[in-house]
Amino acid sequence: MTSSTRRAQELFSLADSQAGYFTAAQASVLGYGYPLHHHHLRQGNWQRVRHGLFRLTTYPITPHEQLAELSLWSRNRQGDPQAVMSHDTALAFHGVSDLLPERLHLTVPPGFRKAPPEGVVLHRSKLSAEDLQTEHGFQVTTILRTLEDLLASGNVTDVLEQALTQAAQTGAISSVKARTLRKVVDQRR
């Protein structure tokens, strides 16, 4: 196997774990110097998505690839993604309601400084590992954390009640947690 073939396989493996996306820095670590970035863009092998972020053009489109893209957009100086899909976006992802959010909601650390892309709402909070689940190329808040975030926003809606009911019926949250959250919903109504 040639070094360029091995490098291409490593890039595909990395991009595959991130819904077809990769950063310029990640490609460079795998041996794709900046002149090769331009070469692969000209050849149509890569697509520039935004500054420092690429996508393999042959990678199949996935239902949640925009979430993977936003995860990589949020990376810090060390290259670690900071954003977690949350609130209405997480609720829609988990499929426990009929909600079709108009904007994407992300939770980022309190010190996060990037301006959000159009159509993105940022929430600032520290999340613990038990609040998160890892998906194909991004992280999303658990159903329980999502419901708690929506309740904390103070906006009790029929969609939130529907999500709470479905999450309890499917066993996505315990009956004890469901009763506790239901009391909060009833108090806010």
N, C-alpha and C. Protein backbone atom coordinates (compact mmCIF):
# COMPACT_ATOMS: atom_id res chain seq x y z
N MET A 1 0.85 -1.18 0.00
CA MET A 1 0.00 0.00 0.00
C MET A 1 0.90 1.24 0.00
N THR A 2 0.61 2.18 -0.87
CA THR A 2 1.41 3.39 -0.94
C THR A 2 1.05 4.34 0.20
N SER A 3 1.93 5.27 0.45
CA SER A 3 1.67 6.22 1.54
C SER A 3 0.46 7.10 1.21
N SER A 4 0.27 7.45 -0.07
CA SER A 4 -0.89 8.28 -0.42
C SER A 4 -2.19 7.50 -0.26
N THR A 5 -2.16 6.18 -0.53
CA THR A 5 -3.35 5.35 -0.33
C THR A 5 -3.67 5.23 1.15
N ARG A 6 -2.64 5.01 1.95
CA ARG A 6 -2.83 4.90 3.40
C ARG A 6 -3.36 6.22 3.96
N ARG A 7 -2.80 7.33 3.48
CA ARG A 7 -3.23 8.66 3.93
C ARG A 7 -4.70 8.88 3.56
N ALA A 8 -5.09 8.48 2.36
CA ALA A 8 -6.49 8.64 1.92
C ALA A 8 -7.42 7.79 2.77
N GLN A 9 -6.99 6.57 3.13
CA GLN A 9 -7.82 5.71 3.98
C GLN A 9 -7.95 6.30 5.38
N GLU A 10 -6.88 6.86 5.90
CA GLU A 10 -6.93 7.47 7.23
C GLU A 10 -7.85 8.69 7.22
N LEU A 11 -7.79 9.49 6.15
CA LEU A 11 -8.67 10.65 6.06
C LEU A 11 -10.12 10.21 5.95
N PHE A 12 -10.38 9.18 5.15
CA PHE A 12 -11.75 8.69 5.03
C PHE A 12 -12.26 8.18 6.37
N SER A 13 -11.43 7.44 7.09
CA SER A 13 -11.82 6.91 8.39
C SER A 13 -12.17 8.04 9.36
N LEU A 14 -11.34 9.06 9.37
CA LEU A 14 -11.60 10.22 10.23
C LEU A 14 -12.90 10.92 9.80
N ALA A 15 -13.03 11.21 8.51
CA ALA A 15 -14.22 11.89 8.00
C ALA A 15 -15.47 11.05 8.24
N ASP A 16 -15.34 9.74 8.13
CA ASP A 16 -16.48 8.86 8.37
C ASP A 16 -17.00 9.00 9.79
N SER A 17 -16.12 9.21 10.74
CA SER A 17 -16.55 9.37 12.14
C SER A 17 -17.18 10.74 12.39
N GLN A 18 -17.09 11.64 11.40
CA GLN A 18 -17.60 13.00 11.54
C GLN A 18 -18.56 13.35 10.40
N ALA A 19 -19.31 12.34 9.95
CA ALA A 19 -20.33 12.52 8.90
C ALA A 19 -19.77 13.09 7.60
N GLY A 20 -18.52 12.75 7.29
CA GLY A 20 -17.90 13.17 6.04
C GLY A 20 -17.09 14.45 6.14
N TYR A 21 -17.06 15.08 7.31
CA TYR A 21 -16.38 16.35 7.51
C TYR A 21 -15.02 16.15 8.16
N PHE A 22 -14.14 17.11 7.96
CA PHE A 22 -12.84 17.13 8.62
C PHE A 22 -12.30 18.56 8.56
N THR A 23 -11.39 18.86 9.46
CA THR A 23 -10.81 20.20 9.50
C THR A 23 -9.49 20.22 8.75
N ALA A 24 -9.04 21.42 8.39
CA ALA A 24 -7.74 21.58 7.74
C ALA A 24 -6.64 21.06 8.65
N ALA A 25 -6.75 21.33 9.94
CA ALA A 25 -5.74 20.86 10.89
C ALA A 25 -5.70 19.34 10.96
N GLN A 26 -6.86 18.69 10.95
CA GLN A 26 -6.91 17.23 10.97
C GLN A 26 -6.27 16.65 9.72
N ALA A 27 -6.55 17.25 8.57
CA ALA A 27 -5.96 16.78 7.32
C ALA A 27 -4.44 16.96 7.35
N SER A 28 -3.98 18.07 7.89
CA SER A 28 -2.54 18.32 7.97
C SER A 28 -1.83 17.29 8.83
N VAL A 29 -2.45 16.92 9.95
CA VAL A 29 -1.86 15.90 10.83
C VAL A 29 -1.72 14.57 10.10
N LEU A 30 -2.64 14.29 9.18
CA LEU A 30 -2.59 13.04 8.42
C LEU A 30 -1.64 13.11 7.22
N GLY A 31 -0.97 14.26 7.04
CA GLY A 31 0.01 14.37 5.96
C GLY A 31 -0.45 15.14 4.75
N TYR A 32 -1.60 15.77 4.84
CA TYR A 32 -2.09 16.61 3.76
C TYR A 32 -1.68 18.05 4.04
N GLY A 33 -0.50 18.44 3.53
CA GLY A 33 -0.05 19.82 3.69
C GLY A 33 -0.97 20.76 2.94
N TYR A 34 -0.84 22.04 3.22
CA TYR A 34 -1.75 23.02 2.60
C TYR A 34 -1.74 23.00 1.07
N PRO A 35 -0.60 22.75 0.40
CA PRO A 35 -0.68 22.64 -1.07
C PRO A 35 -1.60 21.49 -1.51
N LEU A 36 -1.62 20.40 -0.74
CA LEU A 36 -2.51 19.29 -1.08
C LEU A 36 -3.98 19.65 -0.84
N HIS A 37 -4.24 20.54 0.11
CA HIS A 37 -5.62 21.00 0.32
C HIS A 37 -6.13 21.62 -0.98
N HIS A 38 -5.34 22.53 -1.53
CA HIS A 38 -5.73 23.21 -2.77
C HIS A 38 -5.87 22.22 -3.92
N HIS A 39 -4.97 21.27 -3.99
CA HIS A 39 -5.04 20.25 -5.04
C HIS A 39 -6.36 19.48 -4.97
N HIS A 40 -6.71 19.01 -3.78
CA HIS A 40 -7.93 18.21 -3.63
C HIS A 40 -9.20 19.04 -3.83
N LEU A 41 -9.14 20.31 -3.51
CA LEU A 41 -10.27 21.20 -3.80
C LEU A 41 -10.43 21.37 -5.31
N ARG A 42 -9.33 21.63 -6.01
CA ARG A 42 -9.38 21.80 -7.48
C ARG A 42 -9.84 20.52 -8.17
N GLN A 43 -9.41 19.37 -7.67
CA GLN A 43 -9.76 18.08 -8.28
C GLN A 43 -11.21 17.67 -7.97
N GLY A 44 -11.82 18.36 -7.03
CA GLY A 44 -13.20 18.04 -6.67
C GLY A 44 -13.33 16.91 -5.67
N ASN A 45 -12.21 16.54 -5.02
CA ASN A 45 -12.26 15.48 -4.01
C ASN A 45 -12.80 16.01 -2.67
N TRP A 46 -12.52 17.27 -2.41
CA TRP A 46 -12.95 17.92 -1.18
C TRP A 46 -13.82 19.12 -1.53
N GLN A 47 -14.71 19.44 -0.61
CA GLN A 47 -15.53 20.63 -0.74
C GLN A 47 -15.25 21.51 0.47
N ARG A 48 -14.98 22.79 0.24
CA ARG A 48 -14.79 23.72 1.36
C ARG A 48 -16.17 24.10 1.88
N VAL A 49 -16.42 23.86 3.16
CA VAL A 49 -17.71 24.15 3.77
C VAL A 49 -17.70 25.53 4.40
N ARG A 50 -16.64 25.83 5.11
CA ARG A 50 -16.40 27.14 5.70
C ARG A 50 -14.91 27.19 6.00
N HIS A 51 -14.43 28.28 6.51
CA HIS A 51 -12.99 28.44 6.74
C HIS A 51 -12.45 27.28 7.60
N GLY A 52 -11.48 26.56 7.06
CA GLY A 52 -10.83 25.48 7.80
C GLY A 52 -11.65 24.22 7.94
N LEU A 53 -12.77 24.13 7.24
CA LEU A 53 -13.65 22.96 7.36
C LEU A 53 -13.99 22.44 5.97
N PHE A 54 -13.77 21.14 5.78
CA PHE A 54 -13.99 20.50 4.49
C PHE A 54 -14.92 19.31 4.63
N ARG A 55 -15.38 18.83 3.47
CA ARG A 55 -16.20 17.62 3.40
C ARG A 55 -15.74 16.81 2.20
N LEU A 56 -15.68 15.50 2.37
CA LEU A 56 -15.37 14.64 1.23
C LEU A 56 -16.56 14.67 0.27
N THR A 57 -16.31 14.97 -1.00
CA THR A 57 -17.42 15.11 -1.95
C THR A 57 -18.11 13.78 -2.23
N THR A 58 -17.40 12.67 -2.05
CA THR A 58 -17.99 11.36 -2.34
C THR A 58 -18.71 10.76 -1.15
N TYR A 59 -18.66 11.45 -0.01
CA TYR A 59 -19.30 10.90 1.19
C TYR A 59 -20.82 11.04 1.07
N PRO A 60 -21.56 9.98 1.37
CA PRO A 60 -23.03 10.07 1.25
C PRO A 60 -23.62 11.12 2.21
N ILE A 61 -24.67 11.76 1.77
CA ILE A 61 -25.38 12.73 2.61
C ILE A 61 -26.09 11.98 3.71
N THR A 62 -25.99 12.49 4.94
CA THR A 62 -26.62 11.86 6.09
C THR A 62 -27.68 12.79 6.67
N PRO A 63 -28.66 12.24 7.38
CA PRO A 63 -29.76 13.08 7.89
C PRO A 63 -29.32 14.18 8.85
N HIS A 64 -28.25 13.96 9.60
CA HIS A 64 -27.87 14.92 10.63
C HIS A 64 -26.50 15.54 10.35
N GLU A 65 -26.10 15.60 9.10
CA GLU A 65 -24.75 16.09 8.82
C GLU A 65 -24.55 17.55 9.19
N GLN A 66 -25.60 18.36 9.14
CA GLN A 66 -25.46 19.76 9.54
C GLN A 66 -25.05 19.86 11.01
N LEU A 67 -25.50 18.91 11.82
CA LEU A 67 -25.14 18.92 13.24
C LEU A 67 -23.65 18.58 13.41
N ALA A 68 -23.15 17.65 12.60
CA ALA A 68 -21.72 17.32 12.64
C ALA A 68 -20.90 18.52 12.17
N GLU A 69 -21.38 19.21 11.14
CA GLU A 69 -20.67 20.39 10.65
C GLU A 69 -20.59 21.45 11.74
N LEU A 70 -21.69 21.70 12.43
CA LEU A 70 -21.70 22.71 13.50
C LEU A 70 -20.82 22.31 14.67
N SER A 71 -20.75 21.03 14.93
CA SER A 71 -19.86 20.55 15.99
C SER A 71 -18.42 20.92 15.66
N LEU A 72 -18.00 20.67 14.43
CA LEU A 72 -16.63 21.01 14.02
C LEU A 72 -16.44 22.53 13.92
N TRP A 73 -17.46 23.26 13.51
CA TRP A 73 -17.37 24.71 13.47
C TRP A 73 -17.02 25.25 14.87
N SER A 74 -17.53 24.61 15.90
CA SER A 74 -17.39 25.12 17.27
C SER A 74 -16.06 24.77 17.93
N ARG A 75 -15.16 24.15 17.20
CA ARG A 75 -13.92 23.67 17.83
C ARG A 75 -13.10 24.82 18.43
N ASN A 76 -12.38 24.48 19.50
CA ASN A 76 -11.52 25.46 20.15
C ASN A 76 -10.13 25.43 19.50
N ARG A 77 -9.19 26.14 20.08
CA ARG A 77 -7.84 26.21 19.49
C ARG A 77 -7.12 24.86 19.48
N GLN A 78 -7.53 23.97 20.36
CA GLN A 78 -6.95 22.64 20.39
C GLN A 78 -7.64 21.70 19.40
N GLY A 79 -8.68 22.18 18.76
CA GLY A 79 -9.41 21.39 17.77
C GLY A 79 -10.55 20.57 18.35
N ASP A 80 -10.89 20.81 19.61
CA ASP A 80 -11.96 20.05 20.25
C ASP A 80 -13.31 20.74 20.06
N PRO A 81 -14.31 20.03 19.55
CA PRO A 81 -15.64 20.63 19.41
C PRO A 81 -16.18 21.07 20.76
N GLN A 82 -16.83 22.23 20.78
CA GLN A 82 -17.38 22.79 22.01
C GLN A 82 -18.89 22.73 22.07
N ALA A 83 -19.55 22.70 20.93
CA ALA A 83 -21.01 22.76 20.88
C ALA A 83 -21.64 21.39 21.06
N VAL A 84 -22.76 21.39 21.76
CA VAL A 84 -23.58 20.21 21.96
C VAL A 84 -24.99 20.57 21.48
N MET A 85 -25.59 19.73 20.68
CA MET A 85 -26.94 19.99 20.20
C MET A 85 -27.88 19.90 21.41
N SER A 86 -28.75 20.88 21.55
CA SER A 86 -29.56 20.94 22.77
C SER A 86 -30.92 21.57 22.49
N HIS A 87 -31.69 21.72 23.54
CA HIS A 87 -33.00 22.37 23.52
C HIS A 87 -33.88 21.82 22.40
N ASP A 88 -34.46 22.69 21.57
CA ASP A 88 -35.39 22.24 20.53
C ASP A 88 -34.73 21.28 19.54
N THR A 89 -33.45 21.51 19.23
CA THR A 89 -32.74 20.65 18.28
C THR A 89 -32.60 19.24 18.85
N ALA A 90 -32.24 19.14 20.12
CA ALA A 90 -32.12 17.83 20.75
C ALA A 90 -33.48 17.15 20.86
N LEU A 91 -34.50 17.91 21.17
CA LEU A 91 -35.84 17.35 21.27
C LEU A 91 -36.26 16.73 19.94
N ALA A 92 -36.02 17.45 18.85
CA ALA A 92 -36.35 16.93 17.52
C ALA A 92 -35.48 15.71 17.19
N PHE A 93 -34.21 15.77 17.54
CA PHE A 93 -33.31 14.64 17.28
C PHE A 93 -33.79 13.37 17.97
N HIS A 94 -34.20 13.50 19.23
CA HIS A 94 -34.64 12.33 20.00
C HIS A 94 -36.00 11.80 19.54
N GLY A 95 -36.74 12.60 18.80
CA GLY A 95 -38.01 12.14 18.24
C GLY A 95 -39.11 11.89 19.25
N VAL A 96 -39.09 12.64 20.34
CA VAL A 96 -40.14 12.45 21.36
C VAL A 96 -41.22 13.53 21.28
N SER A 97 -41.25 14.23 20.17
CA SER A 97 -42.31 15.21 19.95
C SER A 97 -42.45 15.44 18.45
N ASP A 98 -43.44 16.23 18.10
CA ASP A 98 -43.67 16.58 16.69
C ASP A 98 -42.96 17.88 16.32
N LEU A 99 -42.09 18.37 17.18
CA LEU A 99 -41.44 19.65 16.97
C LEU A 99 -40.53 19.62 15.74
N LEU A 100 -40.65 20.65 14.92
CA LEU A 100 -39.74 20.89 13.79
C LEU A 100 -39.16 22.29 14.00
N PRO A 101 -38.03 22.38 14.71
CA PRO A 101 -37.51 23.71 15.07
C PRO A 101 -37.08 24.51 13.84
N GLU A 102 -37.35 25.81 13.91
CA GLU A 102 -36.95 26.71 12.84
C GLU A 102 -35.47 27.03 12.90
N ARG A 103 -34.90 27.01 14.10
CA ARG A 103 -33.48 27.31 14.28
C ARG A 103 -32.81 26.16 15.02
N LEU A 104 -31.51 26.06 14.86
CA LEU A 104 -30.73 25.03 15.55
C LEU A 104 -30.25 25.59 16.88
N HIS A 105 -30.38 24.78 17.92
CA HIS A 105 -29.98 25.20 19.27
C HIS A 105 -28.77 24.40 19.70
N LEU A 106 -27.74 25.12 20.15
CA LEU A 106 -26.50 24.51 20.62
C LEU A 106 -26.18 25.05 21.99
N THR A 107 -25.64 24.19 22.85
CA THR A 107 -25.12 24.65 24.13
C THR A 107 -23.61 24.64 24.03
N VAL A 108 -23.01 25.76 24.42
CA VAL A 108 -21.56 25.93 24.38
C VAL A 108 -21.08 26.33 25.77
N PRO A 109 -19.79 26.18 26.07
CA PRO A 109 -19.28 26.60 27.37
C PRO A 109 -19.47 28.11 27.58
N PRO A 110 -19.52 28.55 28.83
CA PRO A 110 -19.76 29.97 29.11
C PRO A 110 -18.78 30.93 28.43
N GLY A 111 -17.53 30.56 28.26
CA GLY A 111 -16.54 31.45 27.66
C GLY A 111 -16.45 31.38 26.14
N PHE A 112 -17.35 30.68 25.50
CA PHE A 112 -17.31 30.52 24.04
C PHE A 112 -17.48 31.87 23.36
N ARG A 113 -16.66 32.16 22.32
CA ARG A 113 -16.65 33.50 21.75
C ARG A 113 -17.09 33.60 20.30
N LYS A 114 -17.21 32.52 19.59
CA LYS A 114 -17.56 32.61 18.17
C LYS A 114 -19.00 33.10 18.01
N ALA A 115 -19.21 33.91 16.99
CA ALA A 115 -20.56 34.34 16.66
C ALA A 115 -21.27 33.20 15.94
N PRO A 116 -22.51 32.94 16.29
CA PRO A 116 -23.20 31.79 15.68
C PRO A 116 -23.53 32.05 14.21
N PRO A 117 -23.50 30.99 13.40
CA PRO A 117 -23.95 31.14 12.01
C PRO A 117 -25.44 31.49 11.99
N GLU A 118 -25.90 31.98 10.88
CA GLU A 118 -27.31 32.33 10.74
C GLU A 118 -28.18 31.10 11.00
N GLY A 119 -29.26 31.31 11.75
CA GLY A 119 -30.18 30.23 12.05
C GLY A 119 -29.79 29.38 13.24
N VAL A 120 -28.75 29.80 13.98
CA VAL A 120 -28.26 29.05 15.14
C VAL A 120 -28.43 29.89 16.39
N VAL A 121 -28.97 29.27 17.43
CA VAL A 121 -29.13 29.91 18.74
C VAL A 121 -28.14 29.25 19.70
N LEU A 122 -27.35 30.06 20.37
CA LEU A 122 -26.39 29.53 21.34
C LEU A 122 -26.91 29.70 22.76
N HIS A 123 -26.77 28.64 23.54
CA HIS A 123 -27.07 28.66 24.97
C HIS A 123 -25.73 28.40 25.66
N ARG A 124 -25.47 29.08 26.75
CA ARG A 124 -24.20 28.91 27.44
C ARG A 124 -24.43 28.20 28.78
N SER A 125 -23.69 27.10 28.94
CA SER A 125 -23.82 26.32 30.16
C SER A 125 -22.70 25.29 30.22
N LYS A 126 -22.35 24.87 31.42
CA LYS A 126 -21.42 23.76 31.58
C LYS A 126 -22.24 22.48 31.63
N LEU A 127 -21.88 21.53 30.81
CA LEU A 127 -22.58 20.25 30.78
C LEU A 127 -21.67 19.16 31.33
N SER A 128 -22.25 18.22 32.04
CA SER A 128 -21.46 17.11 32.55
C SER A 128 -21.57 15.93 31.58
N ALA A 129 -20.68 14.98 31.72
CA ALA A 129 -20.64 13.82 30.81
C ALA A 129 -21.95 13.06 30.82
N GLU A 130 -22.64 13.00 31.96
CA GLU A 130 -23.90 12.25 32.01
C GLU A 130 -25.05 12.99 31.31
N ASP A 131 -24.83 14.25 30.95
CA ASP A 131 -25.84 15.02 30.21
C ASP A 131 -25.74 14.81 28.71
N LEU A 132 -24.73 14.08 28.26
CA LEU A 132 -24.41 14.00 26.83
C LEU A 132 -24.49 12.59 26.29
N GLN A 133 -24.81 12.51 25.01
CA GLN A 133 -24.64 11.26 24.29
C GLN A 133 -23.96 11.60 22.97
N THR A 134 -23.08 10.72 22.55
CA THR A 134 -22.31 10.93 21.32
C THR A 134 -23.00 10.24 20.17
N GLU A 135 -23.17 10.97 19.10
CA GLU A 135 -23.78 10.45 17.89
C GLU A 135 -22.74 10.45 16.78
N HIS A 136 -23.15 10.29 15.56
CA HIS A 136 -22.23 10.20 14.43
C HIS A 136 -21.71 11.59 14.07
N GLY A 137 -20.62 12.00 14.74
CA GLY A 137 -19.99 13.27 14.41
C GLY A 137 -20.38 14.43 15.29
N PHE A 138 -21.18 14.22 16.31
CA PHE A 138 -21.59 15.33 17.18
C PHE A 138 -22.09 14.77 18.50
N GLN A 139 -22.27 15.67 19.45
CA GLN A 139 -22.87 15.31 20.74
C GLN A 139 -24.21 16.01 20.88
N VAL A 140 -25.10 15.37 21.61
CA VAL A 140 -26.44 15.89 21.84
C VAL A 140 -26.77 15.67 23.31
N THR A 141 -27.56 16.58 23.88
CA THR A 141 -27.96 16.37 25.27
C THR A 141 -28.91 15.18 25.35
N THR A 142 -28.86 14.49 26.47
CA THR A 142 -29.76 13.36 26.70
C THR A 142 -31.20 13.87 26.74
N ILE A 143 -32.12 12.96 26.63
CA ILE A 143 -33.53 13.37 26.69
C ILE A 143 -33.83 14.06 28.02
N LEU A 144 -33.32 13.49 29.10
CA LEU A 144 -33.58 14.10 30.41
C LEU A 144 -33.02 15.51 30.47
N ARG A 145 -31.78 15.70 30.08
CA ARG A 145 -31.17 17.05 30.13
C ARG A 145 -31.93 18.00 29.19
N THR A 146 -32.35 17.50 28.05
CA THR A 146 -33.10 18.32 27.10
C THR A 146 -34.39 18.82 27.73
N LEU A 147 -35.13 17.91 28.35
CA LEU A 147 -36.38 18.31 29.01
C LEU A 147 -36.12 19.31 30.14
N GLU A 148 -35.06 19.07 30.91
CA GLU A 148 -34.72 19.99 32.00
C GLU A 148 -34.34 21.37 31.45
N ASP A 149 -33.59 21.41 30.35
CA ASP A 149 -33.23 22.69 29.74
C ASP A 149 -34.47 23.44 29.27
N LEU A 150 -35.37 22.73 28.63
CA LEU A 150 -36.58 23.38 28.13
C LEU A 150 -37.46 23.88 29.27
N LEU A 151 -37.52 23.12 30.35
CA LEU A 151 -38.27 23.58 31.52
C LEU A 151 -37.61 24.80 32.15
N ALA A 152 -36.29 24.79 32.20
CA ALA A 152 -35.56 25.92 32.80
C ALA A 152 -35.74 27.20 32.00
N SER A 153 -36.02 27.06 30.71
CA SER A 153 -36.23 28.25 29.87
C SER A 153 -37.54 28.96 30.24
N GLY A 154 -38.40 28.26 31.00
CA GLY A 154 -39.63 28.87 31.48
C GLY A 154 -40.77 28.85 30.49
N ASN A 155 -40.57 28.23 29.34
CA ASN A 155 -41.59 28.22 28.31
C ASN A 155 -42.23 26.83 28.23
N VAL A 156 -43.28 26.62 29.00
CA VAL A 156 -43.98 25.34 29.00
C VAL A 156 -44.97 25.34 27.85
N THR A 157 -44.79 24.41 26.94
CA THR A 157 -45.65 24.34 25.75
C THR A 157 -46.27 22.96 25.64
N ASP A 158 -47.21 22.84 24.73
CA ASP A 158 -47.81 21.53 24.45
C ASP A 158 -46.75 20.56 23.92
N VAL A 159 -45.80 21.06 23.16
CA VAL A 159 -44.73 20.21 22.63
C VAL A 159 -43.89 19.64 23.77
N LEU A 160 -43.59 20.46 24.76
CA LEU A 160 -42.82 19.99 25.92
C LEU A 160 -43.61 18.93 26.68
N GLU A 161 -44.89 19.16 26.87
CA GLU A 161 -45.72 18.16 27.56
C GLU A 161 -45.78 16.86 26.75
N GLN A 162 -45.92 16.97 25.44
CA GLN A 162 -45.93 15.79 24.58
C GLN A 162 -44.61 15.03 24.71
N ALA A 163 -43.49 15.75 24.70
CA ALA A 163 -42.17 15.12 24.80
C ALA A 163 -42.01 14.42 26.14
N LEU A 164 -42.46 15.05 27.21
CA LEU A 164 -42.37 14.45 28.54
C LEU A 164 -43.19 13.16 28.60
N THR A 165 -44.38 13.21 28.06
CA THR A 165 -45.25 12.02 28.05
C THR A 165 -44.62 10.89 27.25
N GLN A 166 -44.14 11.20 26.04
CA GLN A 166 -43.54 10.16 25.19
C GLN A 166 -42.26 9.61 25.78
N ALA A 167 -41.43 10.47 26.38
CA ALA A 167 -40.19 10.01 26.99
C ALA A 167 -40.48 9.06 28.15
N ALA A 168 -41.51 9.35 28.92
CA ALA A 168 -41.89 8.48 30.03
C ALA A 168 -42.47 7.16 29.52
N GLN A 169 -43.33 7.23 28.50
CA GLN A 169 -43.96 6.03 27.97
C GLN A 169 -42.95 5.08 27.34
N THR A 170 -41.93 5.62 26.70
CA THR A 170 -40.94 4.77 26.03
C THR A 170 -39.83 4.31 26.99
N GLY A 171 -39.83 4.84 28.20
CA GLY A 171 -38.79 4.46 29.15
C GLY A 171 -37.50 5.24 28.96
N ALA A 172 -37.53 6.29 28.15
CA ALA A 172 -36.34 7.10 27.92
C ALA A 172 -35.93 7.86 29.19
N ILE A 173 -36.92 8.13 30.04
CA ILE A 173 -36.63 8.68 31.37
C ILE A 173 -37.40 7.82 32.37
N SER A 174 -36.90 7.77 33.58
CA SER A 174 -37.55 6.95 34.61
C SER A 174 -38.89 7.55 35.02
N SER A 175 -39.73 6.72 35.57
CA SER A 175 -41.05 7.20 36.01
C SER A 175 -40.89 8.21 37.15
N VAL A 176 -39.87 8.04 37.97
CA VAL A 176 -39.62 8.99 39.07
C VAL A 176 -39.26 10.36 38.50
N LYS A 177 -38.34 10.38 37.52
CA LYS A 177 -37.96 11.65 36.88
C LYS A 177 -39.16 12.27 36.16
N ALA A 178 -39.95 11.43 35.51
CA ALA A 178 -41.12 11.92 34.78
C ALA A 178 -42.10 12.60 35.73
N ARG A 179 -42.33 11.99 36.90
CA ARG A 179 -43.25 12.59 37.88
C ARG A 179 -42.70 13.93 38.39
N THR A 180 -41.39 13.97 38.66
CA THR A 180 -40.77 15.20 39.14
C THR A 180 -40.91 16.31 38.10
N LEU A 181 -40.61 16.00 36.85
CA LEU A 181 -40.72 17.00 35.78
C LEU A 181 -42.18 17.39 35.55
N ARG A 182 -43.08 16.44 35.66
CA ARG A 182 -44.52 16.72 35.47
C ARG A 182 -44.99 17.73 36.52
N LYS A 183 -44.51 17.60 37.77
CA LYS A 183 -44.86 18.55 38.83
C LYS A 183 -44.41 19.97 38.46
N VAL A 184 -43.20 20.08 37.91
CA VAL A 184 -42.69 21.39 37.51
C VAL A 184 -43.57 21.97 36.40
N VAL A 185 -43.91 21.13 35.42
CA VAL A 185 -44.77 21.57 34.31
C VAL A 185 -46.11 22.06 34.86
N ASP A 186 -46.71 21.29 35.77
CA ASP A 186 -48.00 21.66 36.34
C ASP A 186 -47.92 22.97 37.12
N GLN A 187 -46.83 23.18 37.83
CA GLN A 187 -46.65 24.42 38.60
C GLN A 187 -46.52 25.63 37.67
N ARG A 188 -45.89 25.43 36.53
CA ARG A 188 -45.66 26.55 35.59
C ARG A 188 -46.88 26.85 34.76
N ARG A 189 -47.82 25.94 34.67
CA ARG A 189 -49.02 26.16 33.85
C ARG A 189 -49.90 27.13 34.53
